[in-house]
C-alpha atoms as a PDB file:
ATOM      1  CA  MET A   1    -125.184 -26.787   0.162  1.00  0.00           C
ATOM      2  CA  ALA A   2    -123.162 -23.570   2.008  1.00  0.00           C
ATOM      3  CA  SER A   3    -119.905 -25.242   1.883  1.00  0.00           C
ATOM      4  CA  SER A   4    -120.183 -25.634  -1.497  1.00  0.00           C
ATOM      5  CA  ALA A   5    -120.885 -21.980  -2.032  1.00  0.00           C
ATOM      6  CA  LEU A   6    -117.686 -20.992  -0.364  1.00  0.00           C
ATOM      7  CA  VAL A   7    -115.715 -23.334  -2.310  1.00  0.00           C
ATOM      8  CA  LEU A   8    -116.836 -21.706  -5.322  1.00  0.00           C
ATOM      9  CA  LEU A   9    -116.469 -17.866  -3.906  1.00  0.00           C
ATOM     10  CA  VAL A  10    -112.622 -18.641  -3.073  1.00  0.00           C
ATOM     11  CA  ILE A  11    -112.487 -19.551  -6.745  1.00  0.00           C
ATOM     12  CA  VAL A  12    -113.790 -16.687  -8.460  1.00  0.00           C
ATOM     13  CA  GLY A  13    -112.057 -14.516  -5.600  1.00  0.00           C
ATOM     14  CA  ALA A  14    -108.242 -16.655  -6.747  1.00  0.00           C
ATOM     15  CA  ALA A  15    -109.049 -15.969 -10.614  1.00  0.00           C
ATOM     16  CA  THR A  16    -110.470 -12.420 -10.203  1.00  0.00           C
ATOM     17  CA  ALA A  17    -107.122 -11.443  -7.956  1.00  0.00           C
ATOM     18  CA  ALA A  18    -104.772 -13.295 -10.547  1.00  0.00           C
ATOM     19  CA  PRO A  19    -106.097 -12.222 -14.184  1.00  0.00           C
ATOM     20  CA  GLN A  20    -103.740 -13.843 -17.370  1.00  0.00           C
ATOM     21  CA  ALA A  21    -101.768 -11.204 -19.305  1.00  0.00           C
ATOM     22  CA  ALA A  22     -99.965 -10.856 -22.611  1.00  0.00           C
ATOM     23  CA  PRO A  23     -95.703  -9.792 -21.756  1.00  0.00           C
ATOM     24  CA  VAL A  24     -95.107  -6.498 -20.856  1.00  0.00           C
ATOM     25  CA  ASN A  25     -91.226  -5.088 -21.444  1.00  0.00           C
ATOM     26  CA  ILE A  26     -89.843  -3.487 -18.459  1.00  0.00           C
ATOM     27  CA  GLU A  27     -85.805  -2.747 -19.780  1.00  0.00           C
ATOM     28  CA  PRO A  28     -85.752  -3.151 -23.796  1.00  0.00           C
ATOM     29  CA  PRO A  29     -83.755  -5.323 -25.689  1.00  0.00           C
ATOM     30  CA  THR A  30     -80.057  -5.132 -26.611  1.00  0.00           C
ATOM     31  CA  ILE A  31     -77.139  -6.365 -28.707  1.00  0.00           C
ATOM     32  CA  THR A  32     -73.766  -7.406 -28.556  1.00  0.00           C
ATOM     33  CA  GLY A  33     -71.326  -7.744 -30.640  1.00  0.00           C
ATOM     34  CA  THR A  34     -68.482  -5.977 -32.787  1.00  0.00           C
ATOM     35  CA  PRO A  35     -70.393  -3.519 -35.557  1.00  0.00           C
ATOM     36  CA  ARG A  36     -68.413  -4.154 -38.538  1.00  0.00           C
ATOM     37  CA  VAL A  37     -69.166  -5.947 -41.863  1.00  0.00           C
ATOM     38  CA  GLY A  38     -68.547  -9.444 -41.060  1.00  0.00           C
ATOM     39  CA  GLU A  39     -69.052  -9.537 -37.832  1.00  0.00           C
ATOM     40  CA  ALA A  40     -72.171 -11.134 -35.876  1.00  0.00           C
ATOM     41  CA  LEU A  41     -74.824  -9.287 -33.716  1.00  0.00           C
ATOM     42  CA  THR A  42     -76.861 -10.926 -31.101  1.00  0.00           C
ATOM     43  CA  ALA A  43     -80.259 -10.154 -29.585  1.00  0.00           C
ATOM     44  CA  GLN A  44     -80.280 -10.051 -26.036  1.00  0.00           C
ATOM     45  CA  ASN A  45     -84.006 -10.215 -24.867  1.00  0.00           C
ATOM     46  CA  GLY A  46     -84.480  -8.000 -22.114  1.00  0.00           C
ATOM     47  CA  THR A  47     -86.534  -7.678 -18.748  1.00  0.00           C
ATOM     48  CA  TRP A  48     -90.386  -8.806 -19.203  1.00  0.00           C
ATOM     49  CA  ASP A  49     -93.507  -9.585 -16.489  1.00  0.00           C
ATOM     50  CA  ASN A  50     -95.974 -11.977 -17.058  1.00  0.00           C
ATOM     51  CA  SER A  51     -93.805 -14.890 -18.360  1.00  0.00           C
ATOM     52  CA  PRO A  52     -93.039 -15.010 -22.045  1.00  0.00           C
ATOM     53  CA  THR A  53     -93.093 -18.382 -23.104  1.00  0.00           C
ATOM     54  CA  SER A  54     -91.364 -17.986 -26.448  1.00  0.00           C
ATOM     55  CA  TYR A  55     -89.107 -14.668 -28.134  1.00  0.00           C
ATOM     56  CA  ARG A  56     -89.323 -14.187 -31.796  1.00  0.00           C
ATOM     57  CA  TYR A  57     -86.823 -11.362 -33.798  1.00  0.00           C
ATOM     58  CA  ARG A  58     -86.850  -9.139 -36.487  1.00  0.00           C
ATOM     59  CA  TRP A  59     -83.897  -7.149 -37.679  1.00  0.00           C
ATOM     60  CA  LEU A  60     -84.266  -3.629 -39.061  1.00  0.00           C
ATOM     61  CA  ARG A  61     -81.469  -1.052 -40.443  1.00  0.00           C
ATOM     62  CA  CYS A  62     -81.603   2.344 -39.989  1.00  0.00           C
ATOM     63  CA  ASN A  63     -79.544   5.592 -40.370  1.00  0.00           C
ATOM     64  CA  GLN A  64     -77.005   7.219 -38.284  1.00  0.00           C
ATOM     65  CA  ILE A  65     -78.955   7.999 -35.679  1.00  0.00           C
ATOM     66  CA  GLY A  66     -81.522   5.165 -35.488  1.00  0.00           C
ATOM     67  CA  ALA A  67     -84.069   6.396 -37.369  1.00  0.00           C
ATOM     68  CA  SER A  68     -86.120   5.513 -40.821  1.00  0.00           C
ATOM     69  CA  CYS A  69     -85.162   2.072 -40.197  1.00  0.00           C
ATOM     70  CA  VAL A  70     -86.293  -0.460 -42.584  1.00  0.00           C
ATOM     71  CA  LEU A  71     -87.625  -4.081 -41.581  1.00  0.00           C
ATOM     72  CA  LEU A  72     -85.046  -6.869 -42.992  1.00  0.00           C
ATOM     73  CA  ALA A  73     -85.887 -10.619 -43.764  1.00  0.00           C
ATOM     74  CA  ALA A  74     -83.316 -11.492 -41.055  1.00  0.00           C
ATOM     75  CA  ASP A  75     -85.230 -12.749 -37.741  1.00  0.00           C
ATOM     76  CA  GLY A  76     -82.910 -15.033 -36.086  1.00  0.00           C
ATOM     77  CA  ARG A  77     -81.219 -14.105 -32.723  1.00  0.00           C
ATOM     78  CA  THR A  78     -77.721 -13.318 -34.611  1.00  0.00           C
ATOM     79  CA  TYR A  79     -77.116 -11.344 -37.221  1.00  0.00           C
ATOM     80  CA  ARG A  80     -74.332 -11.205 -39.131  1.00  0.00           C
ATOM     81  CA  LEU A  81     -73.405  -7.675 -40.884  1.00  0.00           C
ATOM     82  CA  GLY A  82     -72.702  -7.577 -44.372  1.00  0.00           C
ATOM     83  CA  GLN A  83     -71.637  -4.395 -47.005  1.00  0.00           C
ATOM     84  CA  ASP A  84     -74.952  -3.017 -47.498  1.00  0.00           C
ATOM     85  CA  ASP A  85     -74.688  -2.461 -43.530  1.00  0.00           C
ATOM     86  CA  VAL A  86     -71.757   0.180 -43.872  1.00  0.00           C
ATOM     87  CA  GLY A  87     -72.460   3.823 -42.792  1.00  0.00           C
ATOM     88  CA  ARG A  88     -76.011   2.312 -41.181  1.00  0.00           C
ATOM     89  CA  THR A  89     -76.869   1.365 -37.323  1.00  0.00           C
ATOM     90  CA  MET A  90     -78.499  -1.560 -36.799  1.00  0.00           C
ATOM     91  CA  ARG A  91     -81.728  -2.275 -34.195  1.00  0.00           C
ATOM     92  CA  VAL A  92     -83.777  -5.628 -33.048  1.00  0.00           C
ATOM     93  CA  ARG A  93     -87.261  -5.570 -32.438  1.00  0.00           C
ATOM     94  CA  VAL A  94     -88.110  -8.374 -30.122  1.00  0.00           C
ATOM     95  CA  THR A  95     -91.164 -10.106 -29.799  1.00  0.00           C
ATOM     96  CA  ALA A  96     -92.141 -11.898 -26.281  1.00  0.00           C
ATOM     97  CA  VAL A  97     -95.138 -14.207 -26.574  1.00  0.00           C
ATOM     98  CA  ASN A  98     -97.152 -16.200 -24.076  1.00  0.00           C
ATOM     99  CA  ALA A  99    -100.525 -17.912 -23.851  1.00  0.00           C
ATOM    100  CA  ASP A 100    -102.064 -14.379 -23.712  1.00  0.00           C
ATOM    101  CA  GLY A 101    -100.700 -12.774 -26.251  1.00  0.00           C
ATOM    102  CA  ALA A 102     -97.299 -10.886 -28.081  1.00  0.00           C
ATOM    103  CA  THR A 103     -96.089  -7.722 -27.179  1.00  0.00           C
ATOM    104  CA  ASN A 104     -93.399  -5.848 -29.178  1.00  0.00           C
ATOM    105  CA  ALA A 105     -89.924  -3.868 -28.082  1.00  0.00           C
ATOM    106  CA  ARG A 106     -86.570  -2.320 -30.094  1.00  0.00           C
ATOM    107  CA  SER A 107     -82.926  -1.833 -28.899  1.00  0.00           C
ATOM    108  CA  LEU A 108     -81.276   1.213 -28.990  1.00  0.00           C
ATOM    109  CA  PRO A 109     -79.007   1.620 -32.058  1.00  0.00           C
ATOM    110  CA  THR A 110     -75.683   0.327 -32.436  1.00  0.00           C
ATOM    111  CA  ASP A 111     -72.757   2.193 -33.363  1.00  0.00           C
ATOM    112  CA  ILE A 112     -72.871   3.072 -36.921  1.00  0.00           C
ATOM    113  CA  ILE A 113     -71.435  -0.119 -39.005  1.00  0.00           C
ATOM    114  CA  ALA A 114     -67.122   0.065 -39.851  1.00  0.00           C
ATOM    115  CA  SER A 115     -66.442  -1.490 -42.863  1.00  0.00           C
ATOM    116  CA  ASN A 116     -63.901  -4.838 -42.437  1.00  0.00           C
ATOM    117  CA  ALA A 117     -61.766  -3.671 -45.793  1.00  0.00           C
ATOM    118  CA  ALA A 118     -58.446  -1.780 -45.285  1.00  0.00           C
ATOM    119  CA  PRO A 119     -58.650   1.877 -45.413  1.00  0.00           C
ATOM    120  CA  LEU A 120     -57.433   3.667 -48.699  1.00  0.00           C
ATOM    121  CA  THR A 121     -54.344   5.446 -47.013  1.00  0.00           C
ATOM    122  CA  ASN A 122     -51.430   7.603 -49.017  1.00  0.00           C
ATOM    123  CA  THR A 123     -48.253   6.441 -47.935  1.00  0.00           C
ATOM    124  CA  SER A 124     -46.081   8.374 -50.838  1.00  0.00           C
ATOM    125  CA  ARG A 125     -47.642  11.954 -51.727  1.00  0.00           C
ATOM    126  CA  PRO A 126     -48.693  12.378 -55.318  1.00  0.00           C
ATOM    127  CA  THR A 127     -45.962  13.812 -57.385  1.00  0.00           C
ATOM    128  CA  ILE A 128     -46.251  16.286 -60.960  1.00  0.00           C
ATOM    129  CA  THR A 129     -43.701  15.760 -63.749  1.00  0.00           C
ATOM    130  CA  GLY A 130     -43.136  18.417 -66.630  1.00  0.00           C
ATOM    131  CA  ASP A 131     -42.397  21.730 -67.043  1.00  0.00           C
ATOM    132  CA  PRO A 132     -44.959  24.530 -65.407  1.00  0.00           C
ATOM    133  CA  ARG A 133     -44.454  26.976 -68.330  1.00  0.00           C
ATOM    134  CA  VAL A 134     -47.494  28.544 -70.095  1.00  0.00           C
ATOM    135  CA  GLY A 135     -48.271  25.544 -73.013  1.00  0.00           C
ATOM    136  CA  GLN A 136     -46.174  22.679 -71.561  1.00  0.00           C
ATOM    137  CA  GLU A 137     -47.932  19.891 -70.247  1.00  0.00           C
ATOM    138  CA  LEU A 138     -48.173  18.555 -66.596  1.00  0.00           C
ATOM    139  CA  THR A 139     -48.590  14.991 -65.805  1.00  0.00           C
ATOM    140  CA  ALA A 140     -49.851  13.779 -62.091  1.00  0.00           C
ATOM    141  CA  ASN A 141     -48.756  10.585 -60.456  1.00  0.00           C
ATOM    142  CA  GLU A 142     -50.680   8.819 -57.498  1.00  0.00           C
ATOM    143  CA  GLY A 143     -48.347   8.562 -55.234  1.00  0.00           C
ATOM    144  CA  THR A 144     -48.615   5.391 -53.323  1.00  0.00           C
ATOM    145  CA  TRP A 145     -51.321   4.147 -51.661  1.00  0.00           C
ATOM    146  CA  THR A 146     -52.480   0.906 -48.736  1.00  0.00           C
ATOM    147  CA  GLY A 147     -56.058  -0.901 -49.713  1.00  0.00           C
ATOM    148  CA  LYS A 148     -55.343  -1.718 -53.304  1.00  0.00           C
ATOM    149  CA  PRO A 149     -57.048   1.453 -55.162  1.00  0.00           C
ATOM    150  CA  THR A 150     -58.971   0.246 -57.959  1.00  0.00           C
ATOM    151  CA  SER A 151     -59.631   3.855 -59.284  1.00  0.00           C
ATOM    152  CA  PHE A 152     -57.879   7.643 -58.858  1.00  0.00           C
ATOM    153  CA  ALA A 153     -59.667  11.089 -60.043  1.00  0.00           C
ATOM    154  CA  PHE A 154     -57.435  13.705 -60.132  1.00  0.00           C
ATOM    155  CA  GLN A 155     -58.200  17.627 -59.249  1.00  0.00           C
ATOM    156  CA  TRP A 156     -55.425  20.475 -60.038  1.00  0.00           C
ATOM    157  CA  GLN A 157     -55.455  23.495 -58.263  1.00  0.00           C
ATOM    158  CA  ARG A 158     -53.887  27.022 -58.663  1.00  0.00           C
ATOM    159  CA  CYS A 159     -51.656  28.402 -55.273  1.00  0.00           C
ATOM    160  CA  ASP A 160     -50.649  32.068 -54.999  1.00  0.00           C
ATOM    161  CA  VAL A 161     -47.060  32.230 -54.858  1.00  0.00           C
ATOM    162  CA  ASP A 162     -46.395  33.544 -51.089  1.00  0.00           C
ATOM    163  CA  SER A 163     -49.367  31.861 -49.114  1.00  0.00           C
ATOM    164  CA  PHE A 164     -50.557  28.548 -48.928  1.00  0.00           C
ATOM    165  CA  ILE A 165     -54.180  29.811 -50.701  1.00  0.00           C
ATOM    166  CA  CYS A 166     -54.675  27.001 -53.505  1.00  0.00           C
ATOM    167  CA  ALA A 167     -58.365  26.484 -55.787  1.00  0.00           C
ATOM    168  CA  ASP A 168     -59.793  23.938 -57.833  1.00  0.00           C
ATOM    169  CA  VAL A 169     -58.914  24.990 -61.770  1.00  0.00           C
ATOM    170  CA  THR A 170     -62.843  24.699 -63.163  1.00  0.00           C
ATOM    171  CA  GLY A 171     -62.686  21.170 -65.314  1.00  0.00           C
ATOM    172  CA  ALA A 172     -59.132  20.145 -65.253  1.00  0.00           C
ATOM    173  CA  THR A 173     -59.612  16.912 -63.477  1.00  0.00           C
ATOM    174  CA  GLY A 174     -57.728  14.652 -65.673  1.00  0.00           C
ATOM    175  CA  ARG A 175     -54.026  12.672 -65.329  1.00  0.00           C
ATOM    176  CA  THR A 176     -52.520  15.540 -67.561  1.00  0.00           C
ATOM    177  CA  TYR A 177     -52.422  19.419 -67.277  1.00  0.00           C
ATOM    178  CA  GLY A 178     -52.212  21.574 -69.777  1.00  0.00           C
ATOM    179  CA  VAL A 179     -50.842  24.904 -68.694  1.00  0.00           C
ATOM    180  CA  ARG A 180     -52.459  27.392 -70.248  1.00  0.00           C
ATOM    181  CA  LEU A 181     -52.142  31.355 -69.751  1.00  0.00           C
ATOM    182  CA  GLY A 182     -54.061  32.151 -67.173  1.00  0.00           C
ATOM    183  CA  ASP A 183     -51.609  30.055 -64.601  1.00  0.00           C
ATOM    184  CA  LEU A 184     -48.916  32.334 -65.403  1.00  0.00           C
ATOM    185  CA  GLY A 185     -47.716  33.331 -61.847  1.00  0.00           C
ATOM    186  CA  PHE A 186     -49.539  30.301 -60.380  1.00  0.00           C
ATOM    187  CA  ARG A 187     -47.854  27.488 -58.511  1.00  0.00           C
ATOM    188  CA  LEU A 188     -49.686  24.261 -59.401  1.00  0.00           C
ATOM    189  CA  ARG A 189     -50.477  20.995 -57.447  1.00  0.00           C
ATOM    190  CA  VAL A 190     -52.959  18.113 -57.873  1.00  0.00           C
ATOM    191  CA  GLU A 191     -55.237  16.440 -55.729  1.00  0.00           C
ATOM    192  CA  VAL A 192     -55.864  12.936 -55.715  1.00  0.00           C
ATOM    193  CA  THR A 193     -58.383  10.883 -54.908  1.00  0.00           C
ATOM    194  CA  ALA A 194     -58.373   6.892 -54.779  1.00  0.00           C
ATOM    195  CA  ARG A 195     -61.381   4.835 -54.107  1.00  0.00           C
ATOM    196  CA  LYS A 196     -62.711   1.033 -54.088  1.00  0.00           C
ATOM    197  CA  ASP A 197     -65.994  -0.358 -53.094  1.00  0.00           C
ATOM    198  CA  GLY A 198     -67.266   2.964 -51.999  1.00  0.00           C
ATOM    199  CA  ARG A 199     -64.316   3.656 -50.122  1.00  0.00           C
ATOM    200  CA  SER A 200     -62.016   6.908 -50.692  1.00  0.00           C
ATOM    201  CA  GLY A 201     -58.914   8.599 -49.735  1.00  0.00           C
ATOM    202  CA  THR A 202     -57.556  11.860 -50.783  1.00  0.00           C
ATOM    203  CA  ALA A 203     -53.600  13.040 -50.623  1.00  0.00           C
ATOM    204  CA  THR A 204     -52.212  16.347 -52.419  1.00  0.00           C
ATOM    205  CA  SER A 205     -48.688  16.905 -54.363  1.00  0.00           C
ATOM    206  CA  ALA A 206     -46.740  19.754 -53.096  1.00  0.00           C
ATOM    207  CA  ALA A 207     -46.980  22.720 -55.257  1.00  0.00           C
ATOM    208  CA  THR A 208     -44.578  22.627 -58.569  1.00  0.00           C
ATOM    209  CA  SER A 209     -42.455  26.104 -58.781  1.00  0.00           C
ATOM    210  CA  VAL A 210     -44.157  29.213 -60.190  1.00  0.00           C
ATOM    211  CA  VAL A 211     -45.806  28.878 -64.190  1.00  0.00           C
ATOM    212  CA  GLN A 212     -43.599  30.818 -66.278  1.00  0.00           C
ATOM    213  CA  PRO A 213     -44.164  32.648 -69.605  1.00  0.00           C
ATOM    214  CA  THR A 214     -43.186  31.649 -73.127  1.00  0.00           C
ATOM    215  CA  VAL A 215     -41.202  34.713 -73.856  1.00  0.00           C
ATOM    216  CA  ALA A 216     -39.095  36.269 -71.396  1.00  0.00           C
ATOM    217  CA  ILE A 217     -40.942  39.512 -70.360  1.00  0.00           C
ATOM    218  CA  THR A 218     -39.647  43.027 -70.006  1.00  0.00           C
ATOM    219  CA  ASN A 219     -41.215  45.875 -68.744  1.00  0.00           C
ATOM    220  CA  ARG A 220     -40.063  49.143 -67.171  1.00  0.00           C
ATOM    221  CA  ARG A 221     -42.463  49.741 -64.993  1.00  0.00           C
ATOM    222  CA  PRO A 222     -45.158  46.626 -63.191  1.00  0.00           C
ATOM    223  CA  THR A 223     -47.908  45.492 -64.794  1.00  0.00           C
ATOM    224  CA  LEU A 224     -51.011  44.520 -62.191  1.00  0.00           C
ATOM    225  CA  ALA A 225     -53.779  42.945 -63.106  1.00  0.00           C
ATOM    226  CA  ILE A 226     -57.260  42.513 -60.517  1.00  0.00           C
ATOM    227  CA  LEU A 227     -57.856  38.306 -61.096  1.00  0.00           C
ATOM    228  CA  GLY A 228     -61.195  37.886 -58.986  1.00  0.00           C
ATOM    229  CA  VAL A 229     -62.542  39.762 -56.156  1.00  0.00           C
ATOM    230  CA  ARG A 230     -64.858  38.228 -53.126  1.00  0.00           C
ATOM    231  CA  PHE A 231     -66.644  39.634 -50.375  1.00  0.00           C
ATOM    232  CA  THR A 232     -67.228  36.872 -46.973  1.00  0.00           C
ATOM    233  CA  GLY A 233     -69.302  39.527 -44.905  1.00  0.00           C
ATOM    234  CA  ALA A 234     -68.293  42.976 -44.453  1.00  0.00           C
ATOM    235  CA  ARG A 235     -64.306  41.175 -45.433  1.00  0.00           C
ATOM    236  CA  VAL A 236     -63.101  41.836 -48.865  1.00  0.00           C
ATOM    237  CA  TYR A 237     -60.485  39.417 -51.051  1.00  0.00           C
ATOM    238  CA  VAL A 238     -58.790  40.308 -53.887  1.00  0.00           C
ATOM    239  CA  ARG A 239     -56.985  38.105 -56.210  1.00  0.00           C
ATOM    240  CA  PHE A 240     -54.408  39.523 -58.659  1.00  0.00           C
ATOM    241  CA  ARG A 241     -51.398  38.626 -60.689  1.00  0.00           C
ATOM    242  CA  VAL A 242     -48.102  41.347 -60.753  1.00  0.00           C
ATOM    243  CA  CYS A 243     -45.530  40.908 -63.390  1.00  0.00           C
ATOM    244  CA  ASP A 244     -42.302  42.654 -63.227  1.00  0.00           C
ATOM    245  CA  ASP A 245     -38.616  42.355 -65.024  1.00  0.00           C
ATOM    246  CA  THR A 246     -36.787  43.450 -61.561  1.00  0.00           C
ATOM    247  CA  PRO A 247     -37.285  40.064 -58.998  1.00  0.00           C
ATOM    248  CA  ARG A 248     -37.045  42.491 -56.365  1.00  0.00           C
ATOM    249  CA  ASN A 249     -40.472  42.338 -53.991  1.00  0.00           C
ATOM    250  CA  LEU A 250     -42.920  44.729 -54.596  1.00  0.00           C
ATOM    251  CA  ALA A 251     -45.515  47.472 -52.396  1.00  0.00           C
ATOM    252  CA  ILE A 252     -49.260  47.126 -53.307  1.00  0.00           C
ATOM    253  CA  LEU A 253     -50.994  50.417 -53.096  1.00  0.00           C
ATOM    254  CA  VAL A 254     -55.051  50.102 -52.465  1.00  0.00           C
ATOM    255  CA  THR A 255     -57.114  52.904 -52.887  1.00  0.00           C
ATOM    256  CA  GLU A 256     -60.662  52.652 -51.481  1.00  0.00           C
ATOM    257  CA  THR A 257     -63.522  54.988 -53.205  1.00  0.00           C
ATOM    258  CA  ARG A 258     -66.888  55.769 -52.791  1.00  0.00           C
ATOM    259  CA  PRO A 259     -69.340  58.925 -53.656  1.00  0.00           C
ATOM    260  CA  GLY A 260     -69.203  61.325 -51.354  1.00  0.00           C
ATOM    261  CA  VAL A 261     -67.052  60.134 -48.712  1.00  0.00           C
ATOM    262  CA  ARG A 262     -63.404  60.070 -48.475  1.00  0.00           C
ATOM    263  CA  SER A 263     -60.854  57.723 -49.755  1.00  0.00           C
ATOM    264  CA  ALA A 264     -58.790  55.160 -48.191  1.00  0.00           C
ATOM    265  CA  THR A 265     -55.445  53.651 -48.723  1.00  0.00           C
ATOM    266  CA  ARG A 266     -53.789  50.724 -48.295  1.00  0.00           C
ATOM    267  CA  ARG A 267     -50.548  49.616 -48.778  1.00  0.00           C
ATOM    268  CA  PHE A 268     -49.245  45.659 -48.379  1.00  0.00           C
ATOM    269  CA  ALA A 269     -46.507  43.824 -49.774  1.00  0.00           C
ATOM    270  CA  THR A 270     -45.160  40.615 -51.866  1.00  0.00           C
ATOM    271  CA  ARG A 271     -43.240  38.417 -49.655  1.00  0.00           C
ATOM    272  CA  VAL A 272     -42.374  36.213 -52.630  1.00  0.00           C
ATOM    273  CA  ALA A 273     -41.249  38.658 -55.677  1.00  0.00           C
ATOM    274  CA  PRO A 274     -42.318  37.785 -58.962  1.00  0.00           C
ATOM    275  CA  ARG A 275     -40.455  35.946 -61.441  1.00  0.00           C
ATOM    276  CA  PRO A 276     -41.224  36.899 -63.020  1.00  0.00           C
ATOM    277  CA  CYS A 277     -44.936  37.108 -62.469  1.00  0.00           C
ATOM    278  CA  GLY A 278     -46.350  35.929 -59.101  1.00  0.00           C
ATOM    279  CA  ALA A 279     -50.415  35.672 -57.833  1.00  0.00           C
ATOM    280  CA  TYR A 280     -51.087  37.298 -54.528  1.00  0.00           C
ATOM    281  CA  THR A 281     -54.491  37.156 -52.307  1.00  0.00           C
ATOM    282  CA  ARG A 282     -54.876  39.934 -49.874  1.00  0.00           C
ATOM    283  CA  ASN A 283     -58.222  40.690 -47.578  1.00  0.00           C
ATOM    284  CA  TRP A 284     -58.898  43.396 -45.435  1.00  0.00           C
ATOM    285  CA  LEU A 285     -61.781  44.952 -43.416  1.00  0.00           C
ATOM    286  CA  PRO A 286     -62.693  48.063 -45.553  1.00  0.00           C
ATOM    287  CA  ALA A 287     -63.320  51.390 -43.189  1.00  0.00           C
ATOM    288  CA  GLN A 288     -67.406  51.530 -41.561  1.00  0.00           C
ATOM    289  CA  ARG A 289     -67.871  54.291 -44.559  1.00  0.00           C
ATOM    290  CA  PHE A 290     -67.212  51.782 -47.591  1.00  0.00           C
ATOM    291  CA  ARG A 291     -69.992  49.084 -45.832  1.00  0.00           C
ATOM    292  CA  GLY A 292     -73.199  48.934 -46.714  1.00  0.00           C
ATOM    293  CA  ASP A 293     -75.683  49.602 -49.773  1.00  0.00           C
ATOM    294  CA  GLY A 294     -73.791  51.735 -52.461  1.00  0.00           C
ATOM    295  CA  ARG A 295     -71.227  52.217 -55.143  1.00  0.00           C
ATOM    296  CA  TYR A 296     -67.514  50.535 -53.964  1.00  0.00           C
ATOM    297  CA  THR A 297     -64.436  50.782 -55.991  1.00  0.00           C
ATOM    298  CA  ILE A 298     -60.592  49.473 -55.591  1.00  0.00           C
ATOM    299  CA  THR A 299     -57.905  50.941 -57.078  1.00  0.00           C
ATOM    300  CA  LEU A 300     -54.833  48.248 -56.815  1.00  0.00           C
ATOM    301  CA  ARG A 301     -50.990  49.735 -58.018  1.00  0.00           C
ATOM    302  CA  ALA A 302     -48.125  47.885 -57.874  1.00  0.00           C
ATOM    303  CA  ARG A 303     -44.673  49.908 -57.137  1.00  0.00           C
ATOM    304  CA  ASP A 304     -41.071  48.613 -57.059  1.00  0.00           C
ATOM    305  CA  THR A 305     -37.976  49.441 -55.303  1.00  0.00           C
ATOM    306  CA  SER A 306     -37.227  52.510 -57.572  1.00  0.00           C
ATOM    307  CA  GLY A 307     -40.745  54.306 -57.235  1.00  0.00           C
ATOM    308  CA  LEU A 308     -41.924  53.242 -60.220  1.00  0.00           C
ATOM    309  CA  THR A 309     -45.565  51.989 -60.165  1.00  0.00           C
ATOM    310  CA  SER A 310     -47.869  49.950 -62.404  1.00  0.00           C
ATOM    311  CA  ALA A 311     -51.084  51.526 -64.048  1.00  0.00           C
ATOM    312  CA  PRO A 312     -54.296  51.574 -61.996  1.00  0.00           C
ATOM    313  CA  ALA A 313     -56.357  48.203 -62.277  1.00  0.00           C
ATOM    314  CA  ARG A 314     -59.701  48.396 -60.765  1.00  0.00           C
ATOM    315  CA  ARG A 315     -62.907  47.206 -59.848  1.00  0.00           C
ATOM    316  CA  THR A 316     -66.452  48.805 -59.229  1.00  0.00           C
ATOM    317  CA  PHE A 317     -69.610  47.111 -57.077  1.00  0.00           C
ATOM    318  CA  ASN A 318     -72.980  48.068 -56.372  1.00  0.00           C
ATOM    319  CA  ARG A 319     -73.634  46.701 -52.942  1.00  0.00           C
END
């Protein structure tokens, strides 16, 4: 009787010392394979305690940082990447199973999935044909590209004559462009975007020669018009057009005024002479007394080599 009790005690003690439990993940699953469309990814189980007897797999499509994941129907150990995965990352959820339960663990995200299609690369830049003159029409040629684009988009731009400062012309998105009075004194160029299957590439043409007027300009003294003023922080940028019948560089005189403070005068020079018109942008940091809230006036004049000066052009701001 005592011997039977001892045997029972040993059995109970052994059961208490070695309880059964569901698998516990020690090292997370991993993914092997190349993150590119058409390639296969393979789930590696990771390391587990409590002796799993089988594994199950579910694949997740996530954003570029591995968050906001969507559980896919794919449930095999391997997953072949498709076009829907481009620009995303992938994770795998591994479920380890034994007789006492099942436990899930996720892998870290893959690198961002790349397309297997050839990139859209410009090999011969776009060109412009036509006469850059007010009232005429220009036509863009898209140039040559790798990757066989299926469509092209166009954006025409105006560029200053003496520096590489260009800005989009609002609404000018066709292959052809009618040269207008607002283009006078600018150079024109076109930006071409090639597209195919969600991919794109962009290239820009060389700028045209300076846009000419429809009739010759004759003036005894220069003319100057302010086309736009913008502030970036405290710095002011002024775009203006100067026309003159003598193709020589001009001095640009800037006067800044504000009620109750002394004025300031600045002097710039054109680096490319108007022929006969030129559009330019100049920028400067106003003196401290012109900053902050209050009325601020900018006056521009152009002066030729003989000393003749244009009529003033002004812009006033209440800042």
